Protein backbone atom coordinates (compact mmCIF):
# COMPACT_ATOMS: atom_id res chain seq x y z
CA MET A 1 0.00 0.00 0.00
CA PRO A 2 1.61 3.29 -1.01
CA THR A 3 1.85 6.17 1.46
CA PRO A 4 3.50 9.59 1.13
CA ASP A 5 6.46 8.16 3.14
CA GLY A 6 6.90 4.90 1.22
CA PHE A 7 5.18 1.53 0.99
CA ILE A 8 3.52 -0.64 3.64
CA GLU A 9 4.07 -4.29 2.74
CA LEU A 10 2.24 -7.18 4.43
CA GLU A 11 2.57 -10.86 3.54
CA TRP A 12 0.94 -13.69 5.47
CA THR A 13 0.35 -17.42 5.30
CA ARG A 14 -1.67 -19.84 7.40
CA GLN A 15 0.64 -22.60 8.61
CA ASP A 16 0.52 -25.23 11.36
CA GLY A 17 -2.51 -23.65 13.05
CA ARG A 18 -1.11 -20.11 13.13
CA LEU A 19 -0.73 -17.04 10.91
CA ASP A 20 2.85 -16.23 9.94
CA TYR A 21 3.35 -12.68 8.74
CA SER A 22 5.99 -10.27 7.50
CA LEU A 23 5.39 -6.52 7.75
CA LYS A 24 7.51 -3.68 6.38
CA THR A 25 6.65 -0.02 7.00
CA PRO A 26 8.19 3.36 6.26
CA ALA A 27 10.48 4.69 9.01
CA GLY A 28 8.50 6.10 11.94
CA TRP A 29 5.25 4.28 11.09
CA LYS A 30 3.49 1.93 13.51
CA ILE A 31 0.85 -0.59 12.45
CA GLU A 32 -1.81 -2.24 14.59
CA ILE A 33 -2.98 -5.65 13.44
CA ALA A 34 -6.52 -6.84 14.20
CA ASN A 35 -6.53 -10.63 14.22
CA ASP A 36 -10.13 -11.89 14.13
CA SER A 37 -9.10 -15.39 13.01
CA GLY A 38 -8.56 -16.78 16.50
CA LEU A 39 -5.21 -18.16 15.34
CA PRO A 40 -1.95 -17.16 17.02
CA LEU A 41 0.29 -14.73 15.10
CA ARG A 42 4.00 -15.22 14.47
CA ALA A 43 6.14 -12.44 13.04
CA LEU A 44 8.74 -13.62 10.54
């Protein structure tokens, strides 16, 4: 997703009963993830 400061990139896969994700943001940005799946999250 483009922003004035650069791109936000999110990739995720469902694996072994969890959601694995990779998130890249422009410097200084913070992202909040809402996980309604009920599966645990694991940052890669």
